[in-house]
Amino acid sequence: MLTIIGLCDSINVTKKYLGGGILKIFRTKYNRLNYWLDVVLIMALLALLAYMFFWPIRVGGSSMSPGANQGDHLVISRFLGNFGRLSSGDIVLVSIGDSIAVKRLAAAPGDHMLLRGNVLYINGQAAQWVLGGANAISIDRTLGNEEFFLLGDNLTASIDSRHFGTVDRDQILAKILLRYFPLTAFRFY
C-alpha cells in the first residue's frame, strides 16, 4: 500500500514540475518562435505588396512640366502599369531604349488622335490636360492593337512618340499614382 501511495505521489510531483514547468517553458518558446515567424512572414508579404503596388521615384527632367516638374516625388504602381487598364491621360513610366522616362499616355490602342499645334484631340474630343510649349509637328492617325502614343506635357522640351514612334505595352513599366512632394503640389493622378 505504501508503494502505491508513493508511486501516486511521485506521479503528482512529476506532473507538477515537469508537466507544468517544462511544458510551459516549451509552449512559451514555441509561441515566441511562432510569433516571430508570423512577423517575418507578414513583413515579407508587405514588402512584396509594396514592391508590386507602390514605389517612389523622382522626376529628373522638365519634359512633363506642368504635370510633373523636375524634382517632384511620385508614387508608381508596377502592378497597374503591367496588368491594369491604361487609358488616354494616364501618366506612365516607360522604357525607351536605354533610358526610363515619365510620359503622358496621349492615345491608347484603337484611339484616333489628331495633334495640331498644342491641341490634342482623342476620338474627336479635346484632351483634358494642358500641353505647353511649341509643337511644329501635326499628327493624324489611328493607333493599332498594342500601340501607345506618348507625349510630354512640355512639348518643346519633350522627346516622345513624335520623335521615336509608338511604344508597346511591354515598354510601359508602371503607372503614376500620385505626387507627394512638394506637399503644396500633392495630387492623385
C-alpha atoms as a PDB file:
ATOM      1  CA  MET A   1       0.000   0.000   0.000  1.00  0.00           C
ATOM      2  CA  LEU A   2       2.814   2.319   0.777  1.00  0.00           C
ATOM      3  CA  THR A   3       4.310   1.722  -2.643  1.00  0.00           C
ATOM      4  CA  ILE A   4       1.111   2.651  -4.447  1.00  0.00           C
ATOM      5  CA  ILE A   5       0.791   5.866  -2.452  1.00  0.00           C
ATOM      6  CA  GLY A   6       4.468   6.599  -3.071  1.00  0.00           C
ATOM      7  CA  LEU A   7       4.005   5.990  -6.807  1.00  0.00           C
ATOM      8  CA  CYS A   8       0.959   8.285  -6.907  1.00  0.00           C
ATOM      9  CA  ASP A   9       2.890  10.982  -5.046  1.00  0.00           C
ATOM     10  CA  SER A  10       5.784  10.747  -7.474  1.00  0.00           C
ATOM     11  CA  ILE A  11       3.373  10.992 -10.448  1.00  0.00           C
ATOM     12  CA  ASN A  12       1.815  14.116  -8.939  1.00  0.00           C
ATOM     13  CA  VAL A  13       5.250  15.617  -8.345  1.00  0.00           C
ATOM     14  CA  THR A  14       6.293  14.801 -11.907  1.00  0.00           C
ATOM     15  CA  LYS A  15       3.123  16.390 -13.287  1.00  0.00           C
ATOM     16  CA  LYS A  16       3.607  19.420 -11.093  1.00  0.00           C
ATOM     17  CA  TYR A  17       7.217  20.124 -12.010  1.00  0.00           C
ATOM     18  CA  LEU A  18       7.700  18.525 -15.397  1.00  0.00           C
ATOM     19  CA  GLY A  19       4.220  18.867 -16.833  1.00  0.00           C
ATOM     20  CA  GLY A  20       3.641  22.400 -15.714  1.00  0.00           C
ATOM     21  CA  GLY A  21       7.116  23.903 -15.785  1.00  0.00           C
ATOM     22  CA  ILE A  22       8.845  22.341 -18.787  1.00  0.00           C
ATOM     23  CA  LEU A  23       5.730  22.274 -20.927  1.00  0.00           C
ATOM     24  CA  LYS A  24       5.031  25.876 -20.012  1.00  0.00           C
ATOM     25  CA  ILE A  25       8.580  26.864 -20.991  1.00  0.00           C
ATOM     26  CA  PHE A  26       8.256  24.840 -24.228  1.00  0.00           C
ATOM     27  CA  ARG A  27       4.912  26.457 -25.041  1.00  0.00           C
ATOM     28  CA  THR A  28       6.308  29.928 -24.343  1.00  0.00           C
ATOM     29  CA  LYS A  29       9.343  29.368 -26.585  1.00  0.00           C
ATOM     30  CA  TYR A  30       7.138  27.807 -29.267  1.00  0.00           C
ATOM     31  CA  ASN A  31       4.735  30.771 -29.091  1.00  0.00           C
ATOM     32  CA  ARG A  32       7.633  33.237 -29.338  1.00  0.00           C
ATOM     33  CA  LEU A  33       9.071  31.395 -32.329  1.00  0.00           C
ATOM     34  CA  ASN A  34       5.633  31.197 -33.914  1.00  0.00           C
ATOM     35  CA  TYR A  35       5.114  34.923 -33.253  1.00  0.00           C
ATOM     36  CA  TRP A  36       8.409  35.922 -34.890  1.00  0.00           C
ATOM     37  CA  LEU A  37       7.767  33.636 -37.860  1.00  0.00           C
ATOM     38  CA  ASP A  38       4.416  35.378 -38.295  1.00  0.00           C
ATOM     39  CA  VAL A  39       6.075  38.796 -38.069  1.00  0.00           C
ATOM     40  CA  VAL A  40       8.711  37.870 -40.672  1.00  0.00           C
ATOM     41  CA  LEU A  41       6.066  36.405 -42.983  1.00  0.00           C
ATOM     42  CA  ILE A  42       3.835  39.480 -42.708  1.00  0.00           C
ATOM     43  CA  MET A  43       6.789  41.814 -43.337  1.00  0.00           C
ATOM     44  CA  ALA A  44       7.808  39.794 -46.412  1.00  0.00           C
ATOM     45  CA  LEU A  45       4.253  39.960 -47.765  1.00  0.00           C
ATOM     46  CA  LEU A  46       4.064  43.709 -47.110  1.00  0.00           C
ATOM     47  CA  ALA A  47       7.408  44.220 -48.870  1.00  0.00           C
ATOM     48  CA  LEU A  48       6.167  42.209 -51.853  1.00  0.00           C
ATOM     49  CA  LEU A  49       2.943  44.213 -51.986  1.00  0.00           C
ATOM     50  CA  ALA A  50       4.850  47.478 -51.690  1.00  0.00           C
ATOM     51  CA  TYR A  51       7.184  46.388 -54.479  1.00  0.00           C
ATOM     52  CA  MET A  52       4.251  45.495 -56.730  1.00  0.00           C
ATOM     53  CA  PHE A  53       1.907  48.350 -55.897  1.00  0.00           C
ATOM     54  CA  PHE A  54       3.814  51.343 -54.563  1.00  0.00           C
ATOM     55  CA  TRP A  55       7.289  52.586 -55.419  1.00  0.00           C
ATOM     56  CA  PRO A  56       8.661  56.126 -55.027  1.00  0.00           C
ATOM     57  CA  ILE A  57      10.529  57.860 -57.862  1.00  0.00           C
ATOM     58  CA  ARG A  58      11.839  61.374 -58.511  1.00  0.00           C
ATOM     59  CA  VAL A  59      11.291  63.270 -61.771  1.00  0.00           C
ATOM     60  CA  GLY A  60      14.607  64.159 -63.385  1.00  0.00           C
ATOM     61  CA  GLY A  61      13.646  66.448 -66.287  1.00  0.00           C
ATOM     62  CA  SER A  62      11.242  69.152 -67.417  1.00  0.00           C
ATOM     63  CA  SER A  63       9.516  67.316 -70.289  1.00  0.00           C
ATOM     64  CA  MET A  64       6.385  66.673 -68.185  1.00  0.00           C
ATOM     65  CA  SER A  65       6.015  70.180 -66.756  1.00  0.00           C
ATOM     66  CA  PRO A  66       3.451  71.266 -65.512  1.00  0.00           C
ATOM     67  CA  GLY A  67       2.036  67.718 -64.991  1.00  0.00           C
ATOM     68  CA  ALA A  68       5.184  66.586 -63.162  1.00  0.00           C
ATOM     69  CA  ASN A  69       8.010  69.046 -62.580  1.00  0.00           C
ATOM     70  CA  GLN A  70      11.713  68.382 -62.195  1.00  0.00           C
ATOM     71  CA  GLY A  71      12.388  67.263 -58.614  1.00  0.00           C
ATOM     72  CA  ASP A  72       8.800  66.139 -57.931  1.00  0.00           C
ATOM     73  CA  HIS A  73       8.457  62.901 -55.978  1.00  0.00           C
ATOM     74  CA  LEU A  74       5.904  60.454 -57.379  1.00  0.00           C
ATOM     75  CA  VAL A  75       4.479  57.096 -56.331  1.00  0.00           C
ATOM     76  CA  ILE A  76       4.184  54.493 -59.080  1.00  0.00           C
ATOM     77  CA  SER A  77       2.395  51.154 -59.332  1.00  0.00           C
ATOM     78  CA  ARG A  78       4.177  48.445 -61.268  1.00  0.00           C
ATOM     79  CA  PHE A  79       1.157  46.186 -60.956  1.00  0.00           C
ATOM     80  CA  LEU A  80      -1.251  48.690 -62.541  1.00  0.00           C
ATOM     81  CA  GLY A  81       1.322  49.518 -65.215  1.00  0.00           C
ATOM     82  CA  ASN A  82       1.659  45.867 -66.182  1.00  0.00           C
ATOM     83  CA  PHE A  83      -1.832  44.480 -65.593  1.00  0.00           C
ATOM     84  CA  GLY A  84      -4.181  47.433 -65.120  1.00  0.00           C
ATOM     85  CA  ARG A  85      -6.250  49.267 -67.690  1.00  0.00           C
ATOM     86  CA  LEU A  86      -4.347  52.158 -69.237  1.00  0.00           C
ATOM     87  CA  SER A  87      -6.233  54.982 -70.897  1.00  0.00           C
ATOM     88  CA  SER A  88      -5.549  58.348 -72.502  1.00  0.00           C
ATOM     89  CA  GLY A  89      -4.348  60.899 -69.983  1.00  0.00           C
ATOM     90  CA  ASP A  90      -2.603  58.443 -67.643  1.00  0.00           C
ATOM     91  CA  ILE A  91       0.971  59.285 -66.705  1.00  0.00           C
ATOM     92  CA  VAL A  92       3.290  56.304 -67.043  1.00  0.00           C
ATOM     93  CA  LEU A  93       6.886  55.260 -66.521  1.00  0.00           C
ATOM     94  CA  VAL A  94       8.200  53.946 -69.829  1.00  0.00           C
ATOM     95  CA  SER A  95      11.367  52.271 -71.077  1.00  0.00           C
ATOM     96  CA  ILE A  96      12.711  53.905 -74.236  1.00  0.00           C
ATOM     97  CA  GLY A  97      15.913  52.326 -75.461  1.00  0.00           C
ATOM     98  CA  ASP A  98      18.422  52.543 -72.609  1.00  0.00           C
ATOM     99  CA  SER A  99      16.528  55.183 -70.650  1.00  0.00           C
ATOM    100  CA  ILE A 100      13.443  55.367 -68.475  1.00  0.00           C
ATOM    101  CA  ALA A 101      11.128  58.370 -68.734  1.00  0.00           C
ATOM    102  CA  VAL A 102       7.901  59.742 -67.307  1.00  0.00           C
ATOM    103  CA  LYS A 103       5.393  60.496 -70.092  1.00  0.00           C
ATOM    104  CA  ARG A 104       1.682  61.021 -70.558  1.00  0.00           C
ATOM    105  CA  LEU A 105      -0.207  58.331 -72.408  1.00  0.00           C
ATOM    106  CA  ALA A 106      -1.799  60.507 -75.101  1.00  0.00           C
ATOM    107  CA  ALA A 107      -3.570  57.755 -77.026  1.00  0.00           C
ATOM    108  CA  ALA A 108      -4.279  54.092 -76.311  1.00  0.00           C
ATOM    109  CA  PRO A 109      -4.796  51.183 -78.733  1.00  0.00           C
ATOM    110  CA  GLY A 110      -7.655  51.834 -81.150  1.00  0.00           C
ATOM    111  CA  ASP A 111      -7.825  55.587 -80.415  1.00  0.00           C
ATOM    112  CA  HIS A 112      -7.886  58.097 -83.239  1.00  0.00           C
ATOM    113  CA  MET A 113      -5.643  61.051 -82.405  1.00  0.00           C
ATOM    114  CA  LEU A 114      -5.179  64.428 -84.013  1.00  0.00           C
ATOM    115  CA  LEU A 115      -2.362  66.711 -82.833  1.00  0.00           C
ATOM    116  CA  ARG A 116      -2.214  70.219 -84.316  1.00  0.00           C
ATOM    117  CA  GLY A 117      -0.071  72.803 -82.572  1.00  0.00           C
ATOM    118  CA  ASN A 118      -0.719  72.479 -78.841  1.00  0.00           C
ATOM    119  CA  VAL A 119      -4.180  70.984 -79.246  1.00  0.00           C
ATOM    120  CA  LEU A 120      -4.680  67.224 -78.982  1.00  0.00           C
ATOM    121  CA  TYR A 121      -7.927  65.514 -79.926  1.00  0.00           C
ATOM    122  CA  ILE A 122      -8.592  61.911 -78.913  1.00  0.00           C
ATOM    123  CA  ASN A 123     -11.531  60.317 -80.743  1.00  0.00           C
ATOM    124  CA  GLY A 124     -12.829  63.794 -81.625  1.00  0.00           C
ATOM    125  CA  GLN A 125     -12.682  65.124 -78.034  1.00  0.00           C
ATOM    126  CA  ALA A 126     -10.145  67.712 -76.853  1.00  0.00           C
ATOM    127  CA  ALA A 127      -7.669  66.329 -74.304  1.00  0.00           C
ATOM    128  CA  GLN A 128      -8.409  67.140 -70.656  1.00  0.00           C
ATOM    129  CA  TRP A 129      -4.815  68.032 -69.808  1.00  0.00           C
ATOM    130  CA  VAL A 130      -2.674  71.033 -70.689  1.00  0.00           C
ATOM    131  CA  LEU A 131       0.026  70.767 -73.344  1.00  0.00           C
ATOM    132  CA  GLY A 132       2.620  73.542 -73.049  1.00  0.00           C
ATOM    133  CA  GLY A 133       5.442  74.681 -75.296  1.00  0.00           C
ATOM    134  CA  ALA A 134       5.554  74.864 -79.077  1.00  0.00           C
ATOM    135  CA  ASN A 135       4.784  71.981 -81.423  1.00  0.00           C
ATOM    136  CA  ALA A 136       5.537  72.139 -85.140  1.00  0.00           C
ATOM    137  CA  ILE A 137       4.521  68.531 -85.863  1.00  0.00           C
ATOM    138  CA  SER A 138       0.979  67.638 -86.928  1.00  0.00           C
ATOM    139  CA  ILE A 139      -0.183  64.067 -86.484  1.00  0.00           C
ATOM    140  CA  ASP A 140      -3.445  62.467 -87.585  1.00  0.00           C
ATOM    141  CA  ARG A 141      -3.630  58.708 -87.088  1.00  0.00           C
ATOM    142  CA  THR A 142      -5.478  55.768 -85.582  1.00  0.00           C
ATOM    143  CA  LEU A 143      -3.441  53.512 -83.323  1.00  0.00           C
ATOM    144  CA  GLY A 144      -3.309  49.765 -83.874  1.00  0.00           C
ATOM    145  CA  ASN A 145      -3.528  46.982 -81.302  1.00  0.00           C
ATOM    146  CA  GLU A 146      -0.931  47.250 -78.524  1.00  0.00           C
ATOM    147  CA  GLU A 147       0.252  50.683 -79.728  1.00  0.00           C
ATOM    148  CA  PHE A 148       0.503  53.555 -77.262  1.00  0.00           C
ATOM    149  CA  PHE A 149       1.318  57.155 -78.215  1.00  0.00           C
ATOM    150  CA  LEU A 150       3.203  59.106 -75.533  1.00  0.00           C
ATOM    151  CA  LEU A 151       3.647  62.862 -75.133  1.00  0.00           C
ATOM    152  CA  GLY A 152       5.392  65.047 -72.608  1.00  0.00           C
ATOM    153  CA  ASP A 153       3.241  67.903 -71.294  1.00  0.00           C
ATOM    154  CA  ASN A 154       6.019  70.353 -72.236  1.00  0.00           C
ATOM    155  CA  LEU A 155       6.093  69.779 -75.994  1.00  0.00           C
ATOM    156  CA  THR A 156       9.188  71.958 -76.521  1.00  0.00           C
ATOM    157  CA  ALA A 157      11.389  70.040 -74.056  1.00  0.00           C
ATOM    158  CA  SER A 158       9.949  66.556 -74.589  1.00  0.00           C
ATOM    159  CA  ILE A 159      11.316  63.741 -76.694  1.00  0.00           C
ATOM    160  CA  ASP A 160       8.311  61.486 -77.097  1.00  0.00           C
ATOM    161  CA  SER A 161       6.326  59.457 -79.625  1.00  0.00           C
ATOM    162  CA  ARG A 162       6.504  62.364 -82.091  1.00  0.00           C
ATOM    163  CA  HIS A 163      10.218  61.502 -82.353  1.00  0.00           C
ATOM    164  CA  PHE A 164      10.552  57.764 -81.615  1.00  0.00           C
ATOM    165  CA  GLY A 165       7.097  56.478 -82.606  1.00  0.00           C
ATOM    166  CA  THR A 166       4.585  54.456 -80.639  1.00  0.00           C
ATOM    167  CA  VAL A 167       5.510  52.090 -77.816  1.00  0.00           C
ATOM    168  CA  ASP A 168       4.287  48.587 -76.966  1.00  0.00           C
ATOM    169  CA  ARG A 169       2.602  47.583 -73.703  1.00  0.00           C
ATOM    170  CA  ASP A 170       5.740  45.743 -72.539  1.00  0.00           C
ATOM    171  CA  GLN A 171       7.690  49.031 -72.629  1.00  0.00           C
ATOM    172  CA  ILE A 172       5.321  50.575 -70.084  1.00  0.00           C
ATOM    173  CA  LEU A 173       6.842  49.810 -66.692  1.00  0.00           C
ATOM    174  CA  ALA A 174       4.429  51.468 -64.272  1.00  0.00           C
ATOM    175  CA  LYS A 175       1.522  53.839 -63.837  1.00  0.00           C
ATOM    176  CA  ILE A 176       1.964  57.044 -61.821  1.00  0.00           C
ATOM    177  CA  LEU A 177      -0.488  57.169 -58.904  1.00  0.00           C
ATOM    178  CA  LEU A 178       0.278  60.382 -57.043  1.00  0.00           C
ATOM    179  CA  ARG A 179       2.673  63.253 -56.474  1.00  0.00           C
ATOM    180  CA  TYR A 180       3.554  63.539 -52.779  1.00  0.00           C
ATOM    181  CA  PHE A 181       6.358  66.114 -52.795  1.00  0.00           C
ATOM    182  CA  PRO A 182       6.405  69.078 -52.750  1.00  0.00           C
ATOM    183  CA  LEU A 183       3.485  68.979 -50.339  1.00  0.00           C
ATOM    184  CA  THR A 184       1.941  72.107 -51.847  1.00  0.00           C
ATOM    185  CA  ALA A 185       1.582  70.237 -55.162  1.00  0.00           C
ATOM    186  CA  PHE A 186       0.210  66.968 -53.694  1.00  0.00           C
ATOM    187  CA  ARG A 187      -2.260  65.299 -56.059  1.00  0.00           C
ATOM    188  CA  PHE A 188      -3.605  61.973 -57.257  1.00  0.00           C
ATOM    189  CA  TYR A 189      -3.343  61.137 -60.950  1.00  0.00           C
END
